[in-house]
Amino acid sequence: MLRDPSPESIIAAALILLVALPFHEFSHALAAYRLGDGTAKLLGRLTLNPLAHLDPIGAILILLVWFGWAKPTPYNPYNLRGGHYGEAIVSVAGPLSNLVLAAAAALPFRYILATDMDVPFVVLQTLHLFVLINVLLAAFNLIPLPPLDGSKVLYAILDRETAIRVRPALDQYGPLILLALIFLPGVVGLPSPLAIVFEVVIDPITSILLGL
């Protein structure tokens, strides 16, 4: 679905590209650096500069259809303190950063509503979209399927023997399963399990943050 051309939509998309995605990847890099791995820093990724993190194709897709990506942050899991727990911390740092941004954007939104401040409608709409998309990014990335961040969290939660058995297969087939969950329900006319999860998770969190 093409992104609507409204001003608030254009501004929100720009903020996602220039703020949300760079902050997400920077948080991965910072967590890895603090846990002992300097790979991202050596490659110039320990920065908030959007140019260091943006993927051209992913950026164009976000501008067109809201669905895109940044360049994955490189790290060496063998350098991390804490083993697979360290890897989980690095992975969860990205989604948590999006929740931080969502909460930060929700504060002026709630203040504007509480004080009945006279601001252009586009400001409220942009803040609302920015909160919603950051919550969506956090929830989507925490899905426990590779290549998403949630897969590393899953491996840390599983006992070591189970993780060793499951990880190779999930790393190989996880992306295909994820694509099937995204596109197959629409093709066969069934409810999307991801849409159901998002409805159960994203809407309540967004409403709580915005005070709606």
N, C-alpha and C. Protein backbone atom coordinates (compact mmCIF):
# COMPACT_ATOMS: atom_id res chain seq x y z
N MET A 1 0.84 -1.19 0.00
CA MET A 1 0.00 0.00 0.00
C MET A 1 0.88 1.24 0.00
N LEU A 2 0.64 2.15 -0.96
CA LEU A 2 1.44 3.35 -1.06
C LEU A 2 1.15 4.28 0.11
N ARG A 3 2.21 4.94 0.56
CA ARG A 3 2.05 5.91 1.64
C ARG A 3 1.27 7.10 1.12
N ASP A 4 0.32 7.60 1.94
CA ASP A 4 -0.45 8.75 1.50
C ASP A 4 0.46 9.98 1.45
N PRO A 5 0.14 10.95 0.55
CA PRO A 5 1.04 12.09 0.34
C PRO A 5 0.78 13.27 1.26
N SER A 6 0.08 13.06 2.37
CA SER A 6 -0.22 14.16 3.28
C SER A 6 1.06 14.71 3.90
N PRO A 7 1.08 15.99 4.30
CA PRO A 7 2.29 16.59 4.90
C PRO A 7 2.76 15.83 6.13
N GLU A 8 1.81 15.44 7.01
CA GLU A 8 2.22 14.74 8.22
C GLU A 8 2.85 13.39 7.91
N SER A 9 2.36 12.74 6.86
CA SER A 9 2.92 11.45 6.46
C SER A 9 4.34 11.62 5.92
N ILE A 10 4.54 12.65 5.12
CA ILE A 10 5.88 12.92 4.58
C ILE A 10 6.86 13.25 5.69
N ILE A 11 6.43 14.10 6.63
CA ILE A 11 7.30 14.49 7.75
C ILE A 11 7.63 13.28 8.62
N ALA A 12 6.61 12.46 8.91
CA ALA A 12 6.82 11.28 9.75
C ALA A 12 7.78 10.30 9.09
N ALA A 13 7.64 10.11 7.77
CA ALA A 13 8.54 9.22 7.05
C ALA A 13 9.97 9.74 7.12
N ALA A 14 10.13 11.06 6.97
CA ALA A 14 11.47 11.66 7.06
C ALA A 14 12.05 11.46 8.45
N LEU A 15 11.22 11.60 9.49
CA LEU A 15 11.70 11.42 10.86
C LEU A 15 12.10 9.96 11.12
N ILE A 16 11.39 9.04 10.52
CA ILE A 16 11.75 7.63 10.66
C ILE A 16 13.13 7.39 10.05
N LEU A 17 13.36 7.96 8.87
CA LEU A 17 14.64 7.76 8.18
C LEU A 17 15.79 8.48 8.88
N LEU A 18 15.52 9.67 9.39
CA LEU A 18 16.59 10.51 9.92
C LEU A 18 16.80 10.36 11.42
N VAL A 19 15.78 9.82 12.12
CA VAL A 19 15.87 9.72 13.59
C VAL A 19 15.68 8.28 14.07
N ALA A 20 14.52 7.69 13.76
CA ALA A 20 14.17 6.40 14.36
C ALA A 20 15.10 5.27 13.95
N LEU A 21 15.32 5.10 12.65
CA LEU A 21 16.20 4.01 12.20
C LEU A 21 17.65 4.23 12.61
N PRO A 22 18.21 5.43 12.45
CA PRO A 22 19.59 5.63 12.94
C PRO A 22 19.73 5.40 14.43
N PHE A 23 18.74 5.84 15.22
CA PHE A 23 18.80 5.65 16.66
C PHE A 23 18.71 4.17 17.01
N HIS A 24 17.90 3.44 16.27
CA HIS A 24 17.76 1.99 16.46
C HIS A 24 19.10 1.29 16.24
N GLU A 25 19.74 1.58 15.10
CA GLU A 25 21.01 0.92 14.78
C GLU A 25 22.14 1.41 15.69
N PHE A 26 22.14 2.69 16.02
CA PHE A 26 23.13 3.22 16.97
C PHE A 26 23.03 2.51 18.31
N SER A 27 21.82 2.22 18.75
CA SER A 27 21.61 1.55 20.04
C SER A 27 22.19 0.14 20.01
N HIS A 28 22.01 -0.57 18.88
CA HIS A 28 22.67 -1.87 18.73
C HIS A 28 24.19 -1.71 18.87
N ALA A 29 24.74 -0.73 18.15
CA ALA A 29 26.19 -0.53 18.14
C ALA A 29 26.71 -0.16 19.53
N LEU A 30 25.97 0.71 20.23
CA LEU A 30 26.39 1.13 21.56
C LEU A 30 26.36 -0.03 22.55
N ALA A 31 25.30 -0.84 22.49
CA ALA A 31 25.20 -1.99 23.38
C ALA A 31 26.35 -2.96 23.13
N ALA A 32 26.64 -3.22 21.86
CA ALA A 32 27.75 -4.13 21.53
C ALA A 32 29.07 -3.57 22.03
N TYR A 33 29.28 -2.27 21.86
CA TYR A 33 30.52 -1.63 22.30
C TYR A 33 30.67 -1.72 23.82
N ARG A 34 29.59 -1.46 24.52
CA ARG A 34 29.63 -1.52 25.98
C ARG A 34 29.85 -2.95 26.49
N LEU A 35 29.49 -3.93 25.67
CA LEU A 35 29.67 -5.34 26.06
C LEU A 35 30.98 -5.92 25.54
N GLY A 36 31.82 -5.06 24.95
CA GLY A 36 33.17 -5.52 24.61
C GLY A 36 33.48 -5.71 23.15
N ASP A 37 32.52 -5.44 22.25
CA ASP A 37 32.80 -5.63 20.83
C ASP A 37 32.85 -4.28 20.12
N GLY A 38 33.97 -3.99 19.49
CA GLY A 38 34.14 -2.71 18.81
C GLY A 38 33.96 -2.76 17.31
N THR A 39 33.36 -3.84 16.80
CA THR A 39 33.20 -3.98 15.34
C THR A 39 32.43 -2.82 14.74
N ALA A 40 31.28 -2.49 15.31
CA ALA A 40 30.46 -1.41 14.76
C ALA A 40 31.19 -0.07 14.82
N LYS A 41 31.92 0.16 15.90
CA LYS A 41 32.66 1.42 16.02
C LYS A 41 33.73 1.50 14.95
N LEU A 42 34.46 0.41 14.74
CA LEU A 42 35.52 0.40 13.73
C LEU A 42 34.98 0.65 12.33
N LEU A 43 33.73 0.25 12.09
CA LEU A 43 33.11 0.42 10.78
C LEU A 43 32.30 1.70 10.68
N GLY A 44 32.44 2.58 11.68
CA GLY A 44 31.77 3.88 11.63
C GLY A 44 30.30 3.85 11.91
N ARG A 45 29.83 2.82 12.63
CA ARG A 45 28.40 2.70 12.90
C ARG A 45 28.00 3.15 14.30
N LEU A 46 28.98 3.50 15.13
CA LEU A 46 28.66 4.00 16.47
C LEU A 46 28.44 5.50 16.38
N THR A 47 27.38 5.87 15.66
CA THR A 47 27.08 7.27 15.38
C THR A 47 25.59 7.42 15.13
N LEU A 48 25.09 8.65 15.35
CA LEU A 48 23.69 8.95 15.04
C LEU A 48 23.53 9.55 13.65
N ASN A 49 24.62 9.62 12.91
CA ASN A 49 24.56 10.15 11.54
C ASN A 49 23.73 9.21 10.67
N PRO A 50 22.61 9.68 10.13
CA PRO A 50 21.75 8.80 9.33
C PRO A 50 22.45 8.18 8.14
N LEU A 51 23.41 8.90 7.56
CA LEU A 51 24.09 8.39 6.37
C LEU A 51 24.86 7.10 6.65
N ALA A 52 25.25 6.90 7.90
CA ALA A 52 26.00 5.70 8.26
C ALA A 52 25.10 4.46 8.34
N HIS A 53 23.81 4.68 8.48
CA HIS A 53 22.92 3.56 8.76
C HIS A 53 21.90 3.27 7.65
N LEU A 54 21.60 4.26 6.81
CA LEU A 54 20.52 4.09 5.86
C LEU A 54 20.90 3.17 4.71
N ASP A 55 19.99 2.29 4.36
CA ASP A 55 20.11 1.44 3.18
C ASP A 55 19.29 2.09 2.06
N PRO A 56 19.87 2.34 0.90
CA PRO A 56 19.14 3.07 -0.15
C PRO A 56 17.80 2.44 -0.52
N ILE A 57 17.78 1.14 -0.73
CA ILE A 57 16.54 0.48 -1.13
C ILE A 57 15.53 0.52 0.02
N GLY A 58 15.99 0.22 1.25
CA GLY A 58 15.10 0.26 2.40
C GLY A 58 14.53 1.65 2.62
N ALA A 59 15.34 2.69 2.40
CA ALA A 59 14.89 4.07 2.59
C ALA A 59 13.83 4.44 1.55
N ILE A 60 14.05 4.05 0.29
CA ILE A 60 13.08 4.35 -0.76
C ILE A 60 11.75 3.66 -0.48
N LEU A 61 11.80 2.43 0.00
CA LEU A 61 10.56 1.70 0.31
C LEU A 61 9.80 2.36 1.45
N ILE A 62 10.52 2.86 2.45
CA ILE A 62 9.84 3.55 3.55
C ILE A 62 9.13 4.79 3.03
N LEU A 63 9.77 5.51 2.13
CA LEU A 63 9.15 6.71 1.57
C LEU A 63 7.93 6.37 0.73
N LEU A 64 7.94 5.18 0.12
CA LEU A 64 6.84 4.81 -0.77
C LEU A 64 5.73 4.05 -0.07
N VAL A 65 6.10 3.06 0.76
CA VAL A 65 5.08 2.14 1.29
C VAL A 65 5.18 1.91 2.80
N TRP A 66 6.01 2.68 3.50
CA TRP A 66 6.18 2.56 4.95
C TRP A 66 6.96 1.33 5.38
N PHE A 67 7.25 0.41 4.49
CA PHE A 67 7.94 -0.83 4.88
C PHE A 67 9.35 -0.80 4.30
N GLY A 68 10.36 -0.75 5.17
CA GLY A 68 11.73 -0.73 4.71
C GLY A 68 12.68 -1.11 5.83
N TRP A 69 13.94 -0.76 5.67
CA TRP A 69 14.92 -1.20 6.65
C TRP A 69 16.16 -0.32 6.58
N ALA A 70 16.99 -0.42 7.60
CA ALA A 70 18.31 0.21 7.61
C ALA A 70 19.36 -0.87 7.44
N LYS A 71 20.62 -0.45 7.29
CA LYS A 71 21.69 -1.43 7.20
C LYS A 71 21.86 -2.11 8.56
N PRO A 72 21.89 -3.44 8.62
CA PRO A 72 22.09 -4.12 9.91
C PRO A 72 23.41 -3.72 10.55
N THR A 73 23.39 -3.58 11.86
CA THR A 73 24.61 -3.22 12.59
C THR A 73 25.49 -4.45 12.76
N PRO A 74 26.73 -4.40 12.30
CA PRO A 74 27.61 -5.57 12.44
C PRO A 74 28.19 -5.67 13.85
N TYR A 75 28.30 -6.89 14.33
CA TYR A 75 28.97 -7.13 15.61
C TYR A 75 29.46 -8.58 15.63
N ASN A 76 30.45 -8.83 16.46
CA ASN A 76 30.99 -10.17 16.60
C ASN A 76 30.49 -10.76 17.93
N PRO A 77 29.57 -11.71 17.88
CA PRO A 77 29.00 -12.24 19.12
C PRO A 77 30.04 -12.89 20.03
N TYR A 78 31.16 -13.34 19.45
CA TYR A 78 32.19 -14.00 20.26
C TYR A 78 32.98 -13.00 21.11
N ASN A 79 32.86 -11.72 20.79
CA ASN A 79 33.53 -10.70 21.60
C ASN A 79 32.68 -10.19 22.75
N LEU A 80 31.39 -10.54 22.74
CA LEU A 80 30.47 -9.97 23.72
C LEU A 80 30.58 -10.66 25.07
N ARG A 81 30.59 -9.88 26.12
CA ARG A 81 30.49 -10.45 27.46
C ARG A 81 29.08 -10.99 27.65
N GLY A 82 28.98 -12.13 28.31
CA GLY A 82 27.66 -12.70 28.59
C GLY A 82 27.17 -13.71 27.59
N GLY A 83 27.98 -14.01 26.56
CA GLY A 83 27.60 -15.05 25.62
C GLY A 83 26.31 -14.72 24.90
N HIS A 84 25.39 -15.69 24.84
CA HIS A 84 24.13 -15.46 24.12
C HIS A 84 23.25 -14.45 24.83
N TYR A 85 23.46 -14.25 26.14
CA TYR A 85 22.72 -13.19 26.84
C TYR A 85 23.21 -11.82 26.36
N GLY A 86 24.51 -11.71 26.13
CA GLY A 86 25.04 -10.47 25.58
C GLY A 86 24.48 -10.18 24.20
N GLU A 87 24.37 -11.21 23.39
CA GLU A 87 23.80 -11.05 22.06
C GLU A 87 22.34 -10.62 22.14
N ALA A 88 21.61 -11.15 23.10
CA ALA A 88 20.21 -10.76 23.29
C ALA A 88 20.11 -9.29 23.71
N ILE A 89 21.04 -8.85 24.58
CA ILE A 89 21.03 -7.45 25.01
C ILE A 89 21.28 -6.52 23.83
N VAL A 90 22.25 -6.87 22.99
CA VAL A 90 22.53 -6.06 21.80
C VAL A 90 21.29 -6.01 20.91
N SER A 91 20.64 -7.13 20.75
CA SER A 91 19.48 -7.19 19.86
C SER A 91 18.30 -6.39 20.40
N VAL A 92 18.03 -6.52 21.69
CA VAL A 92 16.85 -5.85 22.26
C VAL A 92 17.07 -4.36 22.40
N ALA A 93 18.32 -3.91 22.35
CA ALA A 93 18.60 -2.47 22.47
C ALA A 93 17.92 -1.68 21.36
N GLY A 94 17.83 -2.24 20.16
CA GLY A 94 17.20 -1.54 19.05
C GLY A 94 15.72 -1.29 19.27
N PRO A 95 14.92 -2.34 19.49
CA PRO A 95 13.50 -2.13 19.76
C PRO A 95 13.23 -1.24 20.98
N LEU A 96 14.05 -1.39 22.02
CA LEU A 96 13.86 -0.53 23.20
C LEU A 96 14.09 0.94 22.85
N SER A 97 15.04 1.19 21.95
CA SER A 97 15.29 2.58 21.54
C SER A 97 14.07 3.16 20.84
N ASN A 98 13.36 2.34 20.07
CA ASN A 98 12.15 2.83 19.42
C ASN A 98 11.05 3.15 20.42
N LEU A 99 10.96 2.35 21.49
CA LEU A 99 9.99 2.66 22.53
C LEU A 99 10.35 3.94 23.25
N VAL A 100 11.64 4.19 23.44
CA VAL A 100 12.08 5.45 24.06
C VAL A 100 11.68 6.63 23.19
N LEU A 101 11.90 6.52 21.88
CA LEU A 101 11.50 7.59 20.97
C LEU A 101 9.99 7.78 20.97
N ALA A 102 9.24 6.69 21.01
CA ALA A 102 7.79 6.79 21.04
C ALA A 102 7.32 7.53 22.29
N ALA A 103 7.91 7.19 23.44
CA ALA A 103 7.54 7.85 24.69
C ALA A 103 7.92 9.33 24.65
N ALA A 104 9.08 9.62 24.06
CA ALA A 104 9.53 11.02 23.99
C ALA A 104 8.59 11.85 23.11
N ALA A 105 8.15 11.29 22.00
CA ALA A 105 7.24 12.01 21.12
C ALA A 105 5.84 12.11 21.70
N ALA A 106 5.49 11.15 22.56
CA ALA A 106 4.16 11.17 23.17
C ALA A 106 4.02 12.30 24.19
N LEU A 107 5.13 12.71 24.81
CA LEU A 107 5.06 13.76 25.83
C LEU A 107 4.53 15.08 25.28
N PRO A 108 5.09 15.63 24.20
CA PRO A 108 4.51 16.87 23.67
C PRO A 108 3.10 16.68 23.13
N PHE A 109 2.79 15.49 22.60
CA PHE A 109 1.43 15.21 22.13
C PHE A 109 0.44 15.33 23.29
N ARG A 110 0.77 14.70 24.41
CA ARG A 110 -0.13 14.73 25.57
C ARG A 110 -0.22 16.15 26.15
N TYR A 111 0.90 16.86 26.13
CA TYR A 111 0.90 18.23 26.67
C TYR A 111 0.01 19.14 25.82
N ILE A 112 0.10 18.98 24.50
CA ILE A 112 -0.73 19.79 23.60
C ILE A 112 -2.21 19.52 23.85
N LEU A 113 -2.56 18.25 24.02
CA LEU A 113 -3.96 17.91 24.27
C LEU A 113 -4.41 18.40 25.64
N ALA A 114 -3.55 18.23 26.65
CA ALA A 114 -3.94 18.59 28.02
C ALA A 114 -4.12 20.09 28.19
N THR A 115 -3.31 20.88 27.49
CA THR A 115 -3.37 22.34 27.65
C THR A 115 -4.20 23.00 26.56
N ASP A 116 -4.74 22.20 25.64
CA ASP A 116 -5.51 22.73 24.53
C ASP A 116 -4.70 23.78 23.76
N MET A 117 -3.41 23.51 23.62
CA MET A 117 -2.52 24.43 22.92
C MET A 117 -2.92 24.54 21.45
N ASP A 118 -2.89 25.75 20.96
CA ASP A 118 -3.26 25.99 19.57
C ASP A 118 -2.05 25.73 18.67
N VAL A 119 -2.02 24.56 18.07
CA VAL A 119 -0.94 24.20 17.15
C VAL A 119 -1.56 23.69 15.86
N PRO A 120 -0.83 23.79 14.76
CA PRO A 120 -1.36 23.24 13.50
C PRO A 120 -1.67 21.76 13.64
N PHE A 121 -2.74 21.34 12.98
CA PHE A 121 -3.16 19.94 13.07
C PHE A 121 -2.07 18.99 12.61
N VAL A 122 -1.26 19.46 11.64
CA VAL A 122 -0.20 18.61 11.11
C VAL A 122 0.80 18.23 12.20
N VAL A 123 0.98 19.09 13.20
CA VAL A 123 1.92 18.78 14.29
C VAL A 123 1.41 17.59 15.10
N LEU A 124 0.14 17.63 15.47
CA LEU A 124 -0.45 16.52 16.23
C LEU A 124 -0.41 15.23 15.43
N GLN A 125 -0.76 15.31 14.17
CA GLN A 125 -0.78 14.12 13.33
C GLN A 125 0.61 13.54 13.15
N THR A 126 1.59 14.42 13.00
CA THR A 126 2.96 13.93 12.84
C THR A 126 3.45 13.23 14.10
N LEU A 127 3.19 13.84 15.26
CA LEU A 127 3.57 13.21 16.52
C LEU A 127 2.88 11.87 16.70
N HIS A 128 1.59 11.82 16.36
CA HIS A 128 0.83 10.57 16.48
C HIS A 128 1.44 9.49 15.59
N LEU A 129 1.73 9.84 14.34
CA LEU A 129 2.32 8.87 13.41
C LEU A 129 3.70 8.41 13.88
N PHE A 130 4.49 9.35 14.39
CA PHE A 130 5.84 9.00 14.84
C PHE A 130 5.78 8.03 16.01
N VAL A 131 4.87 8.26 16.94
CA VAL A 131 4.70 7.33 18.06
C VAL A 131 4.26 5.97 17.56
N LEU A 132 3.25 5.95 16.72
CA LEU A 132 2.70 4.69 16.21
C LEU A 132 3.75 3.87 15.47
N ILE A 133 4.51 4.52 14.59
CA ILE A 133 5.48 3.78 13.79
C ILE A 133 6.62 3.27 14.64
N ASN A 134 7.04 4.03 15.65
CA ASN A 134 8.10 3.54 16.52
C ASN A 134 7.63 2.35 17.36
N VAL A 135 6.40 2.38 17.81
CA VAL A 135 5.87 1.22 18.53
C VAL A 135 5.79 0.02 17.60
N LEU A 136 5.38 0.26 16.36
CA LEU A 136 5.32 -0.82 15.37
C LEU A 136 6.71 -1.39 15.11
N LEU A 137 7.70 -0.52 14.96
CA LEU A 137 9.07 -1.00 14.73
C LEU A 137 9.56 -1.86 15.89
N ALA A 138 9.25 -1.42 17.11
CA ALA A 138 9.67 -2.18 18.28
C ALA A 138 9.01 -3.55 18.30
N ALA A 139 7.69 -3.57 18.10
CA ALA A 139 6.96 -4.84 18.15
C ALA A 139 7.37 -5.77 17.02
N PHE A 140 7.50 -5.23 15.81
CA PHE A 140 7.87 -6.07 14.67
C PHE A 140 9.25 -6.68 14.86
N ASN A 141 10.20 -5.87 15.32
CA ASN A 141 11.57 -6.38 15.47
C ASN A 141 11.70 -7.38 16.61
N LEU A 142 10.73 -7.43 17.50
CA LEU A 142 10.79 -8.39 18.61
C LEU A 142 10.11 -9.71 18.26
N ILE A 143 9.59 -9.84 17.05
CA ILE A 143 9.08 -11.14 16.61
C ILE A 143 10.24 -12.13 16.60
N PRO A 144 10.07 -13.29 17.22
CA PRO A 144 11.22 -14.21 17.40
C PRO A 144 11.56 -15.04 16.17
N LEU A 145 11.78 -14.35 15.06
CA LEU A 145 12.18 -15.03 13.83
C LEU A 145 13.35 -14.29 13.22
N PRO A 146 14.38 -15.01 12.78
CA PRO A 146 15.47 -14.35 12.05
C PRO A 146 14.92 -13.73 10.76
N PRO A 147 15.43 -12.60 10.31
CA PRO A 147 16.61 -11.90 10.85
C PRO A 147 16.27 -10.84 11.88
N LEU A 148 15.08 -10.91 12.48
CA LEU A 148 14.65 -9.87 13.41
C LEU A 148 15.33 -10.02 14.77
N ASP A 149 15.35 -8.92 15.53
CA ASP A 149 16.05 -8.90 16.81
C ASP A 149 15.48 -9.91 17.81
N GLY A 150 14.19 -10.17 17.71
CA GLY A 150 13.56 -11.08 18.66
C GLY A 150 14.11 -12.49 18.61
N SER A 151 14.71 -12.88 17.49
CA SER A 151 15.26 -14.24 17.40
C SER A 151 16.40 -14.43 18.39
N LYS A 152 17.23 -13.40 18.57
CA LYS A 152 18.35 -13.51 19.52
C LYS A 152 17.84 -13.56 20.96
N VAL A 153 16.74 -12.87 21.20
CA VAL A 153 16.12 -12.94 22.53
C VAL A 153 15.58 -14.34 22.77
N LEU A 154 14.97 -14.93 21.75
CA LEU A 154 14.46 -16.30 21.87
C LEU A 154 15.58 -17.27 22.19
N TYR A 155 16.71 -17.16 21.49
CA TYR A 155 17.83 -18.07 21.72
C TYR A 155 18.35 -17.94 23.15
N ALA A 156 18.31 -16.73 23.71
CA ALA A 156 18.79 -16.53 25.08
C ALA A 156 17.83 -17.12 26.10
N ILE A 157 16.54 -17.11 25.77
CA ILE A 157 15.53 -17.64 26.70
C ILE A 157 15.55 -19.17 26.72
N LEU A 158 15.75 -19.78 25.55
CA LEU A 158 15.77 -21.23 25.48
C LEU A 158 16.96 -21.80 26.25
N ASP A 159 16.80 -23.00 26.77
CA ASP A 159 17.96 -23.64 27.39
C ASP A 159 18.99 -23.94 26.32
N ARG A 160 20.23 -24.08 26.74
CA ARG A 160 21.36 -24.13 25.80
C ARG A 160 21.22 -25.26 24.78
N GLU A 161 20.82 -26.46 25.21
CA GLU A 161 20.72 -27.59 24.29
C GLU A 161 19.63 -27.35 23.24
N THR A 162 18.50 -26.82 23.69
CA THR A 162 17.41 -26.54 22.74
C THR A 162 17.83 -25.47 21.75
N ALA A 163 18.51 -24.43 22.23
CA ALA A 163 18.96 -23.35 21.35
C ALA A 163 19.93 -23.88 20.30
N ILE A 164 20.82 -24.78 20.71
CA ILE A 164 21.79 -25.34 19.76
C ILE A 164 21.09 -26.14 18.68
N ARG A 165 20.01 -26.85 19.04
CA ARG A 165 19.27 -27.64 18.06
C ARG A 165 18.42 -26.76 17.14
N VAL A 166 17.79 -25.76 17.73
CA VAL A 166 16.80 -24.96 17.00
C VAL A 166 17.45 -23.90 16.12
N ARG A 167 18.54 -23.30 16.60
CA ARG A 167 19.07 -22.11 15.93
C ARG A 167 19.47 -22.32 14.47
N PRO A 168 20.17 -23.40 14.11
CA PRO A 168 20.56 -23.55 12.69
C PRO A 168 19.35 -23.59 11.75
N ALA A 169 18.33 -24.33 12.13
CA ALA A 169 17.14 -24.44 11.27
C ALA A 169 16.39 -23.11 11.21
N LEU A 170 16.26 -22.46 12.36
CA LEU A 170 15.52 -21.20 12.39
C LEU A 170 16.28 -20.10 11.65
N ASP A 171 17.60 -20.09 11.78
CA ASP A 171 18.38 -19.10 11.04
C ASP A 171 18.25 -19.31 9.52
N GLN A 172 18.11 -20.57 9.12
CA GLN A 172 18.00 -20.87 7.69
C GLN A 172 16.61 -20.57 7.15
N TYR A 173 15.58 -20.99 7.89
CA TYR A 173 14.23 -20.91 7.37
C TYR A 173 13.40 -19.77 7.96
N GLY A 174 13.93 -19.10 9.00
CA GLY A 174 13.18 -18.03 9.64
C GLY A 174 12.75 -16.92 8.69
N PRO A 175 13.66 -16.43 7.83
CA PRO A 175 13.24 -15.38 6.89
C PRO A 175 12.10 -15.82 5.97
N LEU A 176 12.12 -17.08 5.56
CA LEU A 176 11.03 -17.57 4.69
C LEU A 176 9.72 -17.65 5.47
N ILE A 177 9.82 -18.09 6.72
CA ILE A 177 8.61 -18.15 7.55
C ILE A 177 8.05 -16.75 7.76
N LEU A 178 8.93 -15.79 7.99
CA LEU A 178 8.50 -14.41 8.21
C LEU A 178 7.80 -13.86 6.97
N LEU A 179 8.39 -14.09 5.80
CA LEU A 179 7.77 -13.63 4.55
C LEU A 179 6.41 -14.28 4.34
N ALA A 180 6.32 -15.57 4.69
CA ALA A 180 5.04 -16.27 4.54
C ALA A 180 3.98 -15.67 5.47
N LEU A 181 4.38 -15.35 6.70
CA LEU A 181 3.44 -14.74 7.64
C LEU A 181 2.97 -13.37 7.17
N ILE A 182 3.84 -12.65 6.47
CA ILE A 182 3.49 -11.31 6.00
C ILE A 182 2.59 -11.37 4.77
N PHE A 183 2.95 -12.21 3.79
CA PHE A 183 2.29 -12.14 2.49
C PHE A 183 1.27 -13.25 2.23
N LEU A 184 1.49 -14.45 2.78
CA LEU A 184 0.63 -15.58 2.44
C LEU A 184 -0.83 -15.39 2.85
N PRO A 185 -1.12 -14.88 4.06
CA PRO A 185 -2.54 -14.72 4.43
C PRO A 185 -3.32 -13.86 3.44
N GLY A 186 -2.70 -12.80 2.91
CA GLY A 186 -3.40 -11.96 1.94
C GLY A 186 -3.66 -12.69 0.64
N VAL A 187 -2.75 -13.58 0.26
CA VAL A 187 -2.90 -14.32 -0.99
C VAL A 187 -4.03 -15.33 -0.90
N VAL A 188 -4.13 -16.01 0.25
CA VAL A 188 -5.14 -17.07 0.40
C VAL A 188 -6.41 -16.58 1.07
N GLY A 189 -6.42 -15.29 1.44
CA GLY A 189 -7.64 -14.71 2.02
C GLY A 189 -7.88 -15.06 3.47
N LEU A 190 -6.82 -15.31 4.22
CA LEU A 190 -6.95 -15.62 5.65
C LEU A 190 -6.50 -14.43 6.49
N PRO A 191 -6.97 -14.34 7.74
CA PRO A 191 -6.50 -13.26 8.62
C PRO A 191 -5.00 -13.37 8.84
N SER A 192 -4.33 -12.24 8.84
CA SER A 192 -2.88 -12.23 9.05
C SER A 192 -2.57 -12.38 10.53
N PRO A 193 -1.76 -13.40 10.90
CA PRO A 193 -1.38 -13.54 12.31
C PRO A 193 -0.59 -12.34 12.80
N LEU A 194 0.21 -11.73 11.92
CA LEU A 194 0.96 -10.55 12.33
C LEU A 194 0.02 -9.38 12.60
N ALA A 195 -1.02 -9.24 11.76
CA ALA A 195 -1.98 -8.16 11.98
C ALA A 195 -2.70 -8.33 13.31
N ILE A 196 -3.00 -9.58 13.66
CA ILE A 196 -3.67 -9.85 14.93
C ILE A 196 -2.76 -9.49 16.10
N VAL A 197 -1.49 -9.90 15.99
CA VAL A 197 -0.53 -9.59 17.05
C VAL A 197 -0.35 -8.08 17.17
N PHE A 198 -0.23 -7.41 16.05
CA PHE A 198 -0.05 -5.97 16.08
C PHE A 198 -1.26 -5.28 16.69
N GLU A 199 -2.44 -5.77 16.37
CA GLU A 199 -3.66 -5.17 16.91
C GLU A 199 -3.71 -5.34 18.42
N VAL A 200 -3.29 -6.51 18.89
CA VAL A 200 -3.32 -6.79 20.32
C VAL A 200 -2.23 -6.03 21.07
N VAL A 201 -1.07 -5.83 20.42
CA VAL A 201 0.08 -5.23 21.11
C VAL A 201 0.22 -3.74 20.81
N ILE A 202 0.22 -3.38 19.52
CA ILE A 202 0.57 -2.01 19.13
C ILE A 202 -0.49 -1.00 19.52
N ASP A 203 -1.75 -1.30 19.24
CA ASP A 203 -2.82 -0.35 19.55
C ASP A 203 -2.87 0.00 21.04
N PRO A 204 -2.85 -1.00 21.94
CA PRO A 204 -2.89 -0.66 23.37
C PRO A 204 -1.70 0.17 23.82
N ILE A 205 -0.48 -0.21 23.38
CA ILE A 205 0.71 0.54 23.80
C ILE A 205 0.65 1.98 23.28
N THR A 206 0.26 2.13 22.02
CA THR A 206 0.17 3.47 21.44
C THR A 206 -0.86 4.31 22.17
N SER A 207 -2.01 3.71 22.48
CA SER A 207 -3.06 4.44 23.19
C SER A 207 -2.61 4.87 24.58
N ILE A 208 -1.88 3.98 25.26
CA ILE A 208 -1.38 4.32 26.61
C ILE A 208 -0.39 5.47 26.53
N LEU A 209 0.53 5.40 25.57
CA LEU A 209 1.53 6.46 25.46
C LEU A 209 0.90 7.81 25.11
N LEU A 210 -0.10 7.80 24.23
CA LEU A 210 -0.71 9.03 23.78
C LEU A 210 -1.82 9.51 24.71
N GLY A 211 -2.23 8.66 25.65
CA GLY A 211 -3.30 9.04 26.56
C GLY A 211 -4.65 9.10 25.88
N LEU A 212 -4.87 8.24 24.88
CA LEU A 212 -6.12 8.26 24.14
C LEU A 212 -7.05 7.13 24.58
